[in-house]
Amino acid sequence: MTEKGDCIIGVEAAKGCVQLSETLKTALRSEKARVTIRILVGDECFELSAEGDKGLELSHPNDMVIRRSRFMSGRTLAVGASAAARDIPRSIVSKLKNPKTLGVLEIEVYGA
């Protein structure tokens, strides 16, 4: 990660888009899907909202990207996000710079 942490906030994740459950992928591909994403690090939590889209490939083996834009690729998990990596509190980003720190990404889909 860079000093500014304005793009990548997590590395060495246990899953990429392709490993998500088929149930979750189906829900994310609904035009009505609303997505709540939580980044949990220690006792801190950052929450943002996004949308699903029928065009989501969810095919990348290593990456998950939550986008503010509507751009889609195999890496895209959700679009139309309410926040970007630069909006994540610096205290969370600082913790994630330590390779021993475990971050958890929670994905909740509703309205699908």
C-alpha atoms as a PDB file:
ATOM      1  CA  MET A   1       0.000   0.000   0.000  1.00  0.00           C
ATOM      2  CA  THR A   2       1.100   3.549  -0.568  1.00  0.00           C
ATOM      3  CA  GLU A   3       1.551   6.227   2.073  1.00  0.00           C
ATOM      4  CA  LYS A   4      -1.682   7.907   0.983  1.00  0.00           C
ATOM      5  CA  GLY A   5      -3.537   4.594   0.794  1.00  0.00           C
ATOM      6  CA  ASP A   6      -5.854   5.981  -1.870  1.00  0.00           C
ATOM      7  CA  CYS A   7      -6.383   2.816  -3.889  1.00  0.00           C
ATOM      8  CA  ILE A   8      -5.500  -0.567  -2.378  1.00  0.00           C
ATOM      9  CA  ILE A   9      -6.384  -1.153   1.244  1.00  0.00           C
ATOM     10  CA  GLY A  10      -5.906  -4.906   1.621  1.00  0.00           C
ATOM     11  CA  VAL A  11      -3.591  -7.557   0.229  1.00  0.00           C
ATOM     12  CA  GLU A  12      -3.285 -11.333   0.555  1.00  0.00           C
ATOM     13  CA  ALA A  13      -7.022 -11.871   0.963  1.00  0.00           C
ATOM     14  CA  ALA A  14      -8.313 -15.396   1.456  1.00  0.00           C
ATOM     15  CA  LYS A  15     -10.746 -14.970  -1.472  1.00  0.00           C
ATOM     16  CA  GLY A  16     -11.124 -13.206  -4.763  1.00  0.00           C
ATOM     17  CA  CYS A  17     -14.417 -12.614  -6.559  1.00  0.00           C
ATOM     18  CA  VAL A  18     -14.457 -16.074  -8.123  1.00  0.00           C
ATOM     19  CA  GLN A  19     -14.445 -17.822  -4.701  1.00  0.00           C
ATOM     20  CA  LEU A  20     -17.590 -16.083  -3.453  1.00  0.00           C
ATOM     21  CA  SER A  21     -20.580 -18.357  -2.977  1.00  0.00           C
ATOM     22  CA  GLU A  22     -22.956 -18.773  -5.914  1.00  0.00           C
ATOM     23  CA  THR A  23     -25.756 -17.456  -3.693  1.00  0.00           C
ATOM     24  CA  LEU A  24     -23.843 -14.225  -3.059  1.00  0.00           C
ATOM     25  CA  LYS A  25     -22.884 -13.872  -6.734  1.00  0.00           C
ATOM     26  CA  THR A  26     -26.511 -14.284  -7.809  1.00  0.00           C
ATOM     27  CA  ALA A  27     -27.623 -11.654  -5.291  1.00  0.00           C
ATOM     28  CA  LEU A  28     -24.886  -9.222  -6.405  1.00  0.00           C
ATOM     29  CA  ARG A  29     -25.970  -9.632 -10.037  1.00  0.00           C
ATOM     30  CA  SER A  30     -29.478  -8.413  -9.313  1.00  0.00           C
ATOM     31  CA  GLU A  31     -30.335  -4.941 -10.639  1.00  0.00           C
ATOM     32  CA  LYS A  32     -32.156  -4.294  -7.356  1.00  0.00           C
ATOM     33  CA  ALA A  33     -29.241  -5.364  -5.156  1.00  0.00           C
ATOM     34  CA  ARG A  34     -28.102  -2.912  -2.530  1.00  0.00           C
ATOM     35  CA  VAL A  35     -24.848  -3.815  -0.855  1.00  0.00           C
ATOM     36  CA  THR A  36     -23.477  -2.887   2.549  1.00  0.00           C
ATOM     37  CA  ILE A  37     -19.751  -3.436   2.892  1.00  0.00           C
ATOM     38  CA  ARG A  38     -17.949  -3.325   6.216  1.00  0.00           C
ATOM     39  CA  ILE A  39     -14.205  -3.255   6.701  1.00  0.00           C
ATOM     40  CA  LEU A  40     -13.371  -4.474  10.189  1.00  0.00           C
ATOM     41  CA  VAL A  41      -9.894  -4.042  11.626  1.00  0.00           C
ATOM     42  CA  GLY A  42      -9.444  -4.647  15.336  1.00  0.00           C
ATOM     43  CA  ASP A  43     -12.125  -2.650  17.138  1.00  0.00           C
ATOM     44  CA  GLU A  44     -12.698  -0.292  14.197  1.00  0.00           C
ATOM     45  CA  CYS A  45     -15.297  -0.560  11.451  1.00  0.00           C
ATOM     46  CA  PHE A  46     -15.796   1.412   8.239  1.00  0.00           C
ATOM     47  CA  GLU A  47     -19.075   0.952   6.389  1.00  0.00           C
ATOM     48  CA  LEU A  48     -20.085   1.951   2.891  1.00  0.00           C
ATOM     49  CA  SER A  49     -22.925   1.212   0.545  1.00  0.00           C
ATOM     50  CA  ALA A  50     -22.859   0.179  -3.100  1.00  0.00           C
ATOM     51  CA  GLU A  51     -25.002  -1.496  -5.732  1.00  0.00           C
ATOM     52  CA  GLY A  52     -25.047  -4.774  -7.573  1.00  0.00           C
ATOM     53  CA  ASP A  53     -25.408  -5.048 -11.344  1.00  0.00           C
ATOM     54  CA  LYS A  54     -26.448  -7.767 -13.779  1.00  0.00           C
ATOM     55  CA  GLY A  55     -23.177  -7.232 -15.659  1.00  0.00           C
ATOM     56  CA  LEU A  56     -20.891  -8.252 -12.786  1.00  0.00           C
ATOM     57  CA  GLU A  57     -18.522 -11.029 -13.872  1.00  0.00           C
ATOM     58  CA  LEU A  58     -17.145 -11.789 -10.379  1.00  0.00           C
ATOM     59  CA  SER A  59     -14.453 -13.905 -12.001  1.00  0.00           C
ATOM     60  CA  HIS A  60     -11.087 -12.713 -10.692  1.00  0.00           C
ATOM     61  CA  PRO A  61      -9.230 -15.331  -8.605  1.00  0.00           C
ATOM     62  CA  ASN A  62      -7.428 -12.840  -6.336  1.00  0.00           C
ATOM     63  CA  ASP A  63      -9.038  -9.403  -6.401  1.00  0.00           C
ATOM     64  CA  MET A  64     -12.214  -7.645  -5.289  1.00  0.00           C
ATOM     65  CA  VAL A  65     -12.744  -4.026  -6.281  1.00  0.00           C
ATOM     66  CA  ILE A  66     -15.561  -1.857  -4.964  1.00  0.00           C
ATOM     67  CA  ARG A  67     -16.021   0.990  -7.410  1.00  0.00           C
ATOM     68  CA  ARG A  68     -17.615   4.426  -7.178  1.00  0.00           C
ATOM     69  CA  SER A  69     -18.011   4.334 -10.944  1.00  0.00           C
ATOM     70  CA  ARG A  70     -20.073   1.897 -13.070  1.00  0.00           C
ATOM     71  CA  PHE A  71     -16.935   0.384 -14.650  1.00  0.00           C
ATOM     72  CA  MET A  72     -16.928  -3.398 -14.539  1.00  0.00           C
ATOM     73  CA  SER A  73     -14.306  -6.079 -14.979  1.00  0.00           C
ATOM     74  CA  GLY A  74     -13.767  -9.537 -13.520  1.00  0.00           C
ATOM     75  CA  ARG A  75     -12.366  -7.809 -10.412  1.00  0.00           C
ATOM     76  CA  THR A  76     -15.486  -5.712  -9.702  1.00  0.00           C
ATOM     77  CA  LEU A  77     -17.486  -6.700  -6.612  1.00  0.00           C
ATOM     78  CA  ALA A  78     -19.930  -3.776  -6.587  1.00  0.00           C
ATOM     79  CA  VAL A  79     -20.476  -0.401  -8.281  1.00  0.00           C
ATOM     80  CA  GLY A  80     -21.825   3.009  -7.328  1.00  0.00           C
ATOM     81  CA  ALA A  81     -20.063   2.984  -3.969  1.00  0.00           C
ATOM     82  CA  SER A  82     -20.703   5.742  -1.449  1.00  0.00           C
ATOM     83  CA  ALA A  83     -17.009   5.945  -0.580  1.00  0.00           C
ATOM     84  CA  ALA A  84     -13.549   5.247  -1.965  1.00  0.00           C
ATOM     85  CA  ALA A  85     -10.386   3.924  -0.353  1.00  0.00           C
ATOM     86  CA  ARG A  86      -9.297   7.506   0.357  1.00  0.00           C
ATOM     87  CA  ASP A  87     -12.373   7.897   2.593  1.00  0.00           C
ATOM     88  CA  ILE A  88     -11.369   5.072   4.926  1.00  0.00           C
ATOM     89  CA  PRO A  89     -10.102   6.409   8.256  1.00  0.00           C
ATOM     90  CA  ARG A  90      -6.319   6.660   8.304  1.00  0.00           C
ATOM     91  CA  SER A  91      -6.284   4.736  11.589  1.00  0.00           C
ATOM     92  CA  ILE A  92      -7.668   1.669   9.771  1.00  0.00           C
ATOM     93  CA  VAL A  93      -5.258   2.115   6.845  1.00  0.00           C
ATOM     94  CA  SER A  94      -2.331   2.430   9.284  1.00  0.00           C
ATOM     95  CA  LYS A  95      -3.298  -0.817  11.003  1.00  0.00           C
ATOM     96  CA  LEU A  96      -3.564  -2.614   7.656  1.00  0.00           C
ATOM     97  CA  LYS A  97      -0.004  -1.598   6.780  1.00  0.00           C
ATOM     98  CA  ASN A  98       1.181  -4.097   9.391  1.00  0.00           C
ATOM     99  CA  PRO A  99       1.383  -7.511   7.645  1.00  0.00           C
ATOM    100  CA  LYS A 100       0.306  -9.219  10.875  1.00  0.00           C
ATOM    101  CA  THR A 101      -2.978  -7.278  11.038  1.00  0.00           C
ATOM    102  CA  LEU A 102      -6.098  -9.162  10.007  1.00  0.00           C
ATOM    103  CA  GLY A 103      -8.810  -7.209   8.255  1.00  0.00           C
ATOM    104  CA  VAL A 104     -12.281  -8.623   7.611  1.00  0.00           C
ATOM    105  CA  LEU A 105     -14.514  -7.613   4.705  1.00  0.00           C
ATOM    106  CA  GLU A 106     -18.196  -8.230   5.322  1.00  0.00           C
ATOM    107  CA  ILE A 107     -20.585  -8.156   2.372  1.00  0.00           C
ATOM    108  CA  GLU A 108     -24.329  -7.879   2.976  1.00  0.00           C
ATOM    109  CA  VAL A 109     -26.727  -7.861   0.022  1.00  0.00           C
ATOM    110  CA  TYR A 110     -30.397  -6.949   0.340  1.00  0.00           C
ATOM    111  CA  GLY A 111     -33.219  -6.065  -2.002  1.00  0.00           C
ATOM    112  CA  ALA A 112     -32.030  -8.627  -4.563  1.00  0.00           C
END
